Amino acid sequence: MSQTNADPTDLQQVETLRKAYAAMKEEIRKVIVGQDHVVDELFMAMFCRGHCLLIGVPGLAKTLTISTLAKVLSLSFNRIQFTPDLMPADITGTEVIQEDRASGRREFKFLAGPIFANVILADEINRTPPKTQAALLEAMQEYQVTVGGRRHDLQRPFFVLATQNPIEQEGTYPLPEAQLDRFMFMIKVDYPTLEDEREVLRRTTEDRNVDLQPIIGAAEIQELQAIVRKVPIADHVLDYALRLTRATRLTTADAPAWVKEQLQWGAGPRASQNLVLGAKARALLSGRFYVSAEDIRAVAKPVLRHRLITSFGAEAEGITTDMVIDRLLEEVKPNTSAALEDGKLPKVIQQ
């Protein structure tokens, strides 16, 4: 499907999104130096209704990036500091008995927890026991919490952005694979470049106040989330996402021999779904109303890195999931030949 076949209204919204995205990035740059790929991937996930897990050592502005993002998007924001003694009710809320002074009648009243906000920062999520980690599962998947047998709907849009320190593992509770799979992206936050760190030093050692301007609100975000799913994707690009995911599964014929040696577990269907959705969001943020194979490649690492488990031998050799993904991207290529032969693939979206 070519870009010209799209609904003119949709194309107008794409242009609106592109302009809003540029404005939001400019606002964020007032506070955050560098880390462009982190900001890009956060936006992609948000417009796909996805959640993110940010991995990085302390001091790389993970928390600041998330709180700044919430301000630019004009969304309510709560930070939950995960600790070993945190209980599920501390997150979701609890029911308490209150007495009506006039009638003397007692009744249960629900006191909402900090999870009732648009953007939730789950800081150091691996610091708290599995029981409390699991309290996020229903909220992330169903956009609701159940307390005392009653369901309470969460505000929309709703995003969980969790952070994790990859170095200090003593006294932590690693997230189980089933919960990791709930996160659309795992985003690696790296050390800044020399120039970026120099600019960070300048900004953080001066008396400097930044006034952030909200660009779009909750209603606009939900409209744009609906547009993401309307973006067309050619069959050969859809198949490319499938082939990448299936190549990681040891029990299928699609997996190369070296994958079966380096992995002990591959990615499930949710990975394929998130590859396509992430690619659609990336296309929109680039001002395009079609998905290219390059969009799939661009989101492959944040989608797949936490859904693959390396084998013992691969770990011993220092092989990481990112290395496995790099090799997959080198070997698995999109098949455009059939689409070109039958004339279904316009030149504008061949790549």
Protein backbone atom coordinates (compact mmCIF):
# COMPACT_ATOMS: atom_id res chain seq x y z
CA MET A 1 0.00 0.00 0.00
CA SER A 2 1.45 3.35 -0.94
CA GLN A 3 1.40 6.50 1.04
CA THR A 4 -1.00 8.12 -1.45
CA ASN A 5 -3.70 5.55 -0.66
CA ALA A 6 -4.01 6.75 2.92
CA ASP A 7 -6.97 8.74 4.21
CA PRO A 8 -6.21 12.50 3.89
CA THR A 9 -7.39 12.97 7.47
CA ASP A 10 -4.89 10.37 8.67
CA LEU A 11 -2.08 12.02 6.71
CA GLN A 12 -2.95 15.35 8.30
CA GLN A 13 -2.77 13.75 11.75
CA VAL A 14 0.59 12.22 10.84
CA GLU A 15 1.92 15.66 10.03
CA THR A 16 0.44 17.00 13.28
CA LEU A 17 2.17 14.20 15.19
CA ARG A 18 5.49 14.85 13.44
CA LYS A 19 5.38 18.53 14.39
CA ALA A 20 4.32 17.78 17.96
CA TYR A 21 7.10 15.19 18.26
CA ALA A 22 9.70 17.74 17.12
CA ALA A 23 8.36 20.27 19.62
CA MET A 24 8.37 17.72 22.46
CA LYS A 25 11.97 16.75 21.77
CA GLU A 26 13.00 20.40 21.83
CA GLU A 27 11.36 20.82 25.24
CA ILE A 28 13.02 17.69 26.59
CA ARG A 29 16.43 18.90 25.37
CA LYS A 30 16.07 21.85 27.74
CA VAL A 31 16.62 19.36 30.57
CA ILE A 32 18.10 16.17 29.07
CA VAL A 33 21.40 16.25 27.20
CA GLY A 34 21.85 13.59 24.51
CA GLN A 35 20.19 10.19 25.02
CA ASP A 36 18.21 10.73 21.80
CA HIS A 37 17.61 7.01 21.24
CA VAL A 38 16.19 6.71 24.78
CA VAL A 39 13.71 9.54 24.19
CA ASP A 40 12.79 8.18 20.74
CA GLU A 41 12.09 4.69 22.07
CA LEU A 42 10.06 6.04 24.99
CA PHE A 43 7.85 7.98 22.59
CA MET A 44 7.47 4.97 20.27
CA ALA A 45 6.33 2.77 23.15
CA MET A 46 3.92 5.39 24.47
CA PHE A 47 2.20 5.83 21.12
CA CYS A 48 1.85 2.02 20.98
CA ARG A 49 0.32 1.85 24.48
CA GLY A 50 3.45 0.00 25.60
CA HIS A 51 5.51 -0.08 28.79
CA CYS A 52 9.29 0.26 29.04
CA LEU A 53 12.10 -1.09 31.21
CA LEU A 54 15.12 1.23 31.36
CA ILE A 55 18.45 -0.41 32.18
CA GLY A 56 21.43 1.67 33.22
CA VAL A 57 23.82 2.43 36.03
CA PRO A 58 22.90 5.17 38.56
CA GLY A 59 23.34 8.80 37.57
CA LEU A 60 22.34 8.56 33.89
CA ALA A 61 19.16 10.64 34.31
CA LYS A 62 16.71 7.77 33.87
CA THR A 63 14.33 9.16 36.49
CA LEU A 64 14.76 12.72 35.26
CA THR A 65 14.04 11.69 31.67
CA ILE A 66 10.77 10.02 32.64
CA SER A 67 9.54 12.88 34.84
CA THR A 68 10.45 15.40 32.12
CA LEU A 69 8.56 13.34 29.56
CA ALA A 70 5.44 13.38 31.74
CA LYS A 71 5.59 17.18 32.02
CA VAL A 72 6.01 17.68 28.27
CA LEU A 73 3.04 15.38 27.65
CA SER A 74 0.91 17.15 30.27
CA LEU A 75 0.20 13.88 32.09
CA SER A 76 -0.15 13.04 35.77
CA PHE A 77 3.00 11.40 37.14
CA ASN A 78 3.81 9.31 40.21
CA ARG A 79 7.11 7.86 41.26
CA ILE A 80 7.14 4.61 43.23
CA GLN A 81 10.44 3.82 44.90
CA PHE A 82 10.58 0.05 45.11
CA THR A 83 12.07 -1.31 48.34
CA PRO A 84 12.23 -4.78 49.97
CA ASP A 85 9.43 -3.91 52.41
CA LEU A 86 7.01 -2.49 49.82
CA MET A 87 3.65 -4.32 49.81
CA PRO A 88 1.15 -4.67 46.91
CA ALA A 89 -1.37 -2.45 48.72
CA ASP A 90 1.27 0.30 48.85
CA ILE A 91 1.03 0.41 45.06
CA THR A 92 -2.57 -0.36 44.21
CA GLY A 93 -4.31 1.14 47.24
CA THR A 94 -6.45 -0.36 49.96
CA GLU A 95 -9.94 -0.32 51.45
CA VAL A 96 -10.46 1.26 54.86
CA ILE A 97 -13.51 1.42 57.13
CA GLN A 98 -14.93 4.91 57.55
CA GLU A 99 -17.80 5.99 59.77
CA ASP A 100 -20.39 8.52 58.73
CA ARG A 101 -20.59 10.92 61.70
CA ALA A 102 -24.16 11.89 60.94
CA SER A 103 -25.65 8.40 60.66
CA GLY A 104 -23.03 6.40 62.52
CA ARG A 105 -22.98 3.98 59.61
CA ARG A 106 -19.70 2.31 58.71
CA GLU A 107 -18.67 1.46 55.18
CA PHE A 108 -15.60 0.55 53.18
CA LYS A 109 -13.93 3.26 51.18
CA PHE A 110 -11.21 2.68 48.60
CA LEU A 111 -8.09 4.81 48.97
CA ALA A 112 -6.29 4.83 45.63
CA GLY A 113 -2.57 4.08 45.57
CA PRO A 114 0.13 5.83 43.55
CA ILE A 115 -0.52 3.60 40.52
CA PHE A 116 -3.51 5.82 39.70
CA ALA A 117 -1.68 8.21 37.38
CA ASN A 118 -0.93 8.40 33.66
CA VAL A 119 2.82 7.82 33.96
CA ILE A 120 4.22 5.53 36.65
CA LEU A 121 7.94 5.49 37.37
CA ALA A 122 8.70 2.14 38.99
CA ASP A 123 12.13 3.02 40.30
CA GLU A 124 14.51 0.08 40.88
CA ILE A 125 11.75 -2.44 40.26
CA ASN A 126 14.06 -5.37 41.04
CA ARG A 127 14.47 -4.12 44.63
CA THR A 128 11.07 -5.41 45.73
CA PRO A 129 9.85 -9.02 46.21
CA PRO A 130 7.95 -10.88 43.44
CA LYS A 131 4.63 -10.48 45.28
CA THR A 132 4.82 -6.72 44.91
CA GLN A 133 6.25 -6.87 41.39
CA ALA A 134 3.26 -9.00 40.41
CA ALA A 135 0.91 -6.25 41.59
CA LEU A 136 1.91 -4.36 38.45
CA LEU A 137 0.97 -7.21 36.09
CA GLU A 138 -2.80 -6.69 36.11
CA ALA A 139 -2.38 -2.93 35.82
CA MET A 140 0.04 -3.20 32.87
CA GLN A 141 -2.06 -5.69 30.95
CA GLU A 142 -5.67 -4.90 31.90
CA TYR A 143 -5.46 -1.20 32.86
CA GLN A 144 -7.19 -1.96 36.14
CA VAL A 145 -6.49 -3.12 39.68
CA THR A 146 -8.60 -5.41 41.86
CA VAL A 147 -8.80 -4.59 45.57
CA GLY A 148 -11.22 -6.31 47.94
CA GLY A 149 -12.88 -8.08 45.03
CA ARG A 150 -13.68 -4.81 43.28
CA ARG A 151 -12.17 -3.63 40.02
CA HIS A 152 -10.90 -0.08 39.71
CA ASP A 153 -10.09 1.30 36.27
CA LEU A 154 -6.86 3.21 35.76
CA GLN A 155 -6.53 6.53 34.01
CA ARG A 156 -5.86 6.48 30.28
CA PRO A 157 -3.33 6.73 28.81
CA PHE A 158 -1.37 4.59 31.25
CA PHE A 159 2.36 3.83 31.06
CA VAL A 160 4.66 1.95 33.41
CA LEU A 161 8.28 3.00 32.97
CA ALA A 162 10.50 0.92 35.21
CA THR A 163 14.21 1.35 35.95
CA GLN A 164 16.76 -1.26 36.91
CA ASN A 165 20.42 -1.15 37.89
CA PRO A 166 22.29 -3.85 35.90
CA ILE A 167 25.36 -3.86 38.16
CA GLU A 168 24.28 -4.14 41.79
CA GLN A 169 22.41 -7.45 42.08
CA GLU A 170 22.87 -8.20 45.79
CA GLY A 171 19.54 -8.23 47.61
CA THR A 172 17.53 -7.88 44.41
CA TYR A 173 14.71 -9.92 42.88
CA PRO A 174 15.20 -10.40 39.11
CA LEU A 175 11.99 -10.01 37.15
CA PRO A 176 10.62 -13.35 35.88
CA GLU A 177 10.45 -13.87 32.12
CA ALA A 178 6.64 -13.67 32.12
CA GLN A 179 6.77 -10.18 33.61
CA LEU A 180 9.65 -9.04 31.40
CA ASP A 181 7.51 -9.98 28.40
CA ARG A 182 4.91 -7.42 29.53
CA PHE A 183 7.36 -4.64 28.75
CA MET A 184 7.28 -3.61 25.10
CA PHE A 185 10.84 -2.25 25.12
CA MET A 186 13.93 -2.80 27.19
CA ILE A 187 15.89 0.43 26.72
CA LYS A 188 19.60 0.54 27.48
CA VAL A 189 20.76 3.89 28.87
CA ASP A 190 24.47 4.30 28.17
CA TYR A 191 27.11 6.71 29.42
CA PRO A 192 27.03 10.12 27.71
CA THR A 193 29.55 11.12 25.07
CA LEU A 194 32.38 13.48 26.01
CA GLU A 195 30.60 16.53 24.58
CA ASP A 196 27.28 15.58 26.18
CA GLU A 197 28.87 15.06 29.59
CA ARG A 198 30.63 18.41 29.32
CA GLU A 199 27.26 20.05 28.68
CA VAL A 200 25.74 18.15 31.63
CA LEU A 201 28.46 19.54 33.89
CA ARG A 202 27.77 23.08 32.71
CA ARG A 203 24.02 22.82 33.27
CA THR A 204 24.09 21.04 36.62
CA THR A 205 26.70 23.28 38.24
CA GLU A 206 24.98 26.57 37.39
CA ASP A 207 21.99 28.35 38.89
CA ARG A 208 19.58 27.47 36.11
CA ASN A 209 15.79 27.25 36.01
CA VAL A 210 13.97 25.53 33.16
CA ASP A 211 10.34 26.22 32.33
CA LEU A 212 8.90 23.25 30.42
CA GLN A 213 5.85 23.78 28.22
CA PRO A 214 3.32 20.93 27.82
CA ILE A 215 2.80 20.13 24.14
CA ILE A 216 -0.03 17.58 24.04
CA GLY A 217 -2.39 16.09 26.61
CA ALA A 218 -4.09 12.78 27.36
CA ALA A 219 -6.88 13.15 24.80
CA GLU A 220 -4.47 13.92 21.95
CA ILE A 221 -2.22 11.02 22.91
CA GLN A 222 -5.11 8.55 22.77
CA GLU A 223 -6.09 9.85 19.33
CA LEU A 224 -2.53 9.36 18.09
CA GLN A 225 -2.39 5.88 19.61
CA ALA A 226 -5.38 4.95 17.44
CA ILE A 227 -3.61 6.31 14.34
CA VAL A 228 -0.58 4.06 14.96
CA ARG A 229 -2.65 0.93 14.39
CA LYS A 230 -4.00 2.30 11.10
CA VAL A 231 -0.55 2.52 9.52
CA PRO A 232 -0.39 0.00 6.64
CA ILE A 233 2.40 -2.55 6.44
CA ALA A 234 3.40 -4.47 3.31
CA ASP A 235 3.29 -8.26 3.42
CA HIS A 236 7.05 -8.63 2.93
CA VAL A 237 7.73 -6.28 5.88
CA LEU A 238 5.27 -8.19 8.07
CA ASP A 239 6.97 -11.44 7.06
CA TYR A 240 10.35 -9.90 7.91
CA ALA A 241 9.22 -9.28 11.49
CA LEU A 242 7.92 -12.85 11.70
CA ARG A 243 11.13 -14.34 10.33
CA LEU A 244 13.26 -12.40 12.82
CA THR A 245 11.20 -13.64 15.75
CA ARG A 246 10.89 -17.23 14.55
CA ALA A 247 14.64 -17.41 13.94
CA THR A 248 15.14 -17.18 17.72
CA ARG A 249 13.00 -20.25 18.52
CA LEU A 250 15.09 -23.35 19.06
CA THR A 251 12.27 -25.80 18.32
CA THR A 252 11.50 -24.46 14.82
CA ALA A 253 13.20 -25.12 11.51
CA ASP A 254 13.57 -21.35 11.07
CA ALA A 255 16.31 -21.12 13.72
CA PRO A 256 19.89 -21.31 12.38
CA ALA A 257 22.25 -23.83 13.97
CA TRP A 258 24.28 -21.14 15.71
CA VAL A 259 21.12 -19.75 17.36
CA LYS A 260 20.40 -23.16 18.88
CA GLU A 261 23.89 -23.10 20.37
CA GLN A 262 23.78 -19.55 21.73
CA LEU A 263 20.21 -19.37 23.02
CA GLN A 264 18.28 -21.50 25.46
CA TRP A 265 14.98 -19.67 24.91
CA GLY A 266 13.58 -17.56 22.09
CA ALA A 267 10.95 -14.84 21.68
CA GLY A 268 7.19 -15.48 21.66
CA PRO A 269 4.37 -14.02 19.54
CA ARG A 270 4.26 -10.84 21.64
CA ALA A 271 7.70 -10.00 20.24
CA SER A 272 6.36 -10.11 16.67
CA GLN A 273 3.43 -7.92 17.63
CA ASN A 274 5.70 -5.35 19.26
CA LEU A 275 8.11 -5.35 16.32
CA VAL A 276 5.26 -4.37 14.02
CA LEU A 277 3.70 -1.85 16.39
CA GLY A 278 7.06 -0.25 17.23
CA ALA A 279 7.88 -0.01 13.53
CA LYS A 280 4.53 1.67 12.84
CA ALA A 281 5.16 4.24 15.57
CA ARG A 282 8.66 4.90 14.25
CA ALA A 283 7.28 5.45 10.75
CA LEU A 284 4.73 7.96 12.05
CA LEU A 285 7.29 9.85 14.11
CA SER A 286 9.38 10.07 10.92
CA GLY A 287 6.41 11.58 9.07
CA ARG A 288 5.60 8.45 7.01
CA PHE A 289 2.31 6.57 6.74
CA TYR A 290 3.89 3.26 5.77
CA VAL A 291 6.31 0.84 7.44
CA SER A 292 9.70 -0.05 5.98
CA ALA A 293 12.04 -2.91 6.79
CA GLU A 294 14.41 -0.36 8.32
CA ASP A 295 11.72 0.49 10.88
CA ILE A 296 11.62 -3.18 11.92
CA ARG A 297 15.41 -3.27 12.19
CA ALA A 298 15.46 -0.09 14.29
CA VAL A 299 13.19 -1.53 16.99
CA ALA A 300 14.60 -5.08 16.95
CA LYS A 301 16.97 -4.64 19.89
CA PRO A 302 14.63 -2.93 22.39
CA VAL A 303 11.90 -5.47 21.51
CA LEU A 304 13.98 -8.66 21.53
CA ARG A 305 16.84 -8.18 24.01
CA HIS A 306 14.78 -9.03 27.11
CA ARG A 307 12.87 -11.84 25.41
CA LEU A 308 15.94 -13.93 24.58
CA ILE A 309 17.85 -16.08 27.09
CA THR A 310 21.42 -16.96 26.20
CA SER A 311 22.79 -20.43 26.80
CA PHE A 312 25.37 -21.23 29.47
CA GLY A 313 28.05 -21.63 26.81
CA ALA A 314 27.22 -18.27 25.24
CA GLU A 315 27.38 -16.55 28.63
CA ALA A 316 30.75 -18.13 29.30
CA GLU A 317 32.02 -16.68 26.02
CA GLY A 318 30.63 -13.22 26.83
CA ILE A 319 27.94 -13.37 24.12
CA THR A 320 25.02 -11.05 24.90
CA THR A 321 21.51 -10.97 23.50
CA ASP A 322 22.41 -7.76 21.64
CA MET A 323 25.20 -9.65 19.85
CA VAL A 324 22.74 -12.38 18.89
CA ILE A 325 20.31 -9.77 17.52
CA ASP A 326 23.10 -8.07 15.54
CA ARG A 327 23.95 -11.37 13.85
CA LEU A 328 20.31 -12.11 13.15
CA LEU A 329 19.90 -8.71 11.48
CA GLU A 330 22.92 -9.47 9.30
CA GLU A 331 21.64 -12.87 8.20
CA VAL A 332 17.86 -12.41 8.05
CA LYS A 333 16.94 -10.05 5.22
CA PRO A 334 13.54 -8.81 4.00
CA ASN A 335 12.26 -10.64 0.92
CA THR A 336 11.15 -7.99 -1.56
CA SER A 337 11.50 -10.07 -4.72
CA ALA A 338 7.93 -11.45 -4.79
CA ALA A 339 6.37 -8.06 -4.08
CA LEU A 340 8.44 -6.44 -6.82
CA GLU A 341 7.56 -9.11 -9.37
CA ASP A 342 3.79 -8.80 -8.96
CA GLY A 343 3.88 -5.00 -8.88
CA LYS A 344 2.36 -4.71 -5.40
CA LEU A 345 5.35 -2.91 -3.92
CA PRO A 346 5.74 0.76 -4.90
CA LYS A 347 9.33 1.94 -5.25
CA VAL A 348 8.85 4.43 -2.43
CA ILE A 349 8.58 1.63 0.15
CA GLN A 350 10.92 -1.01 -1.27
CA GLN A 351 13.28 -0.57 1.65
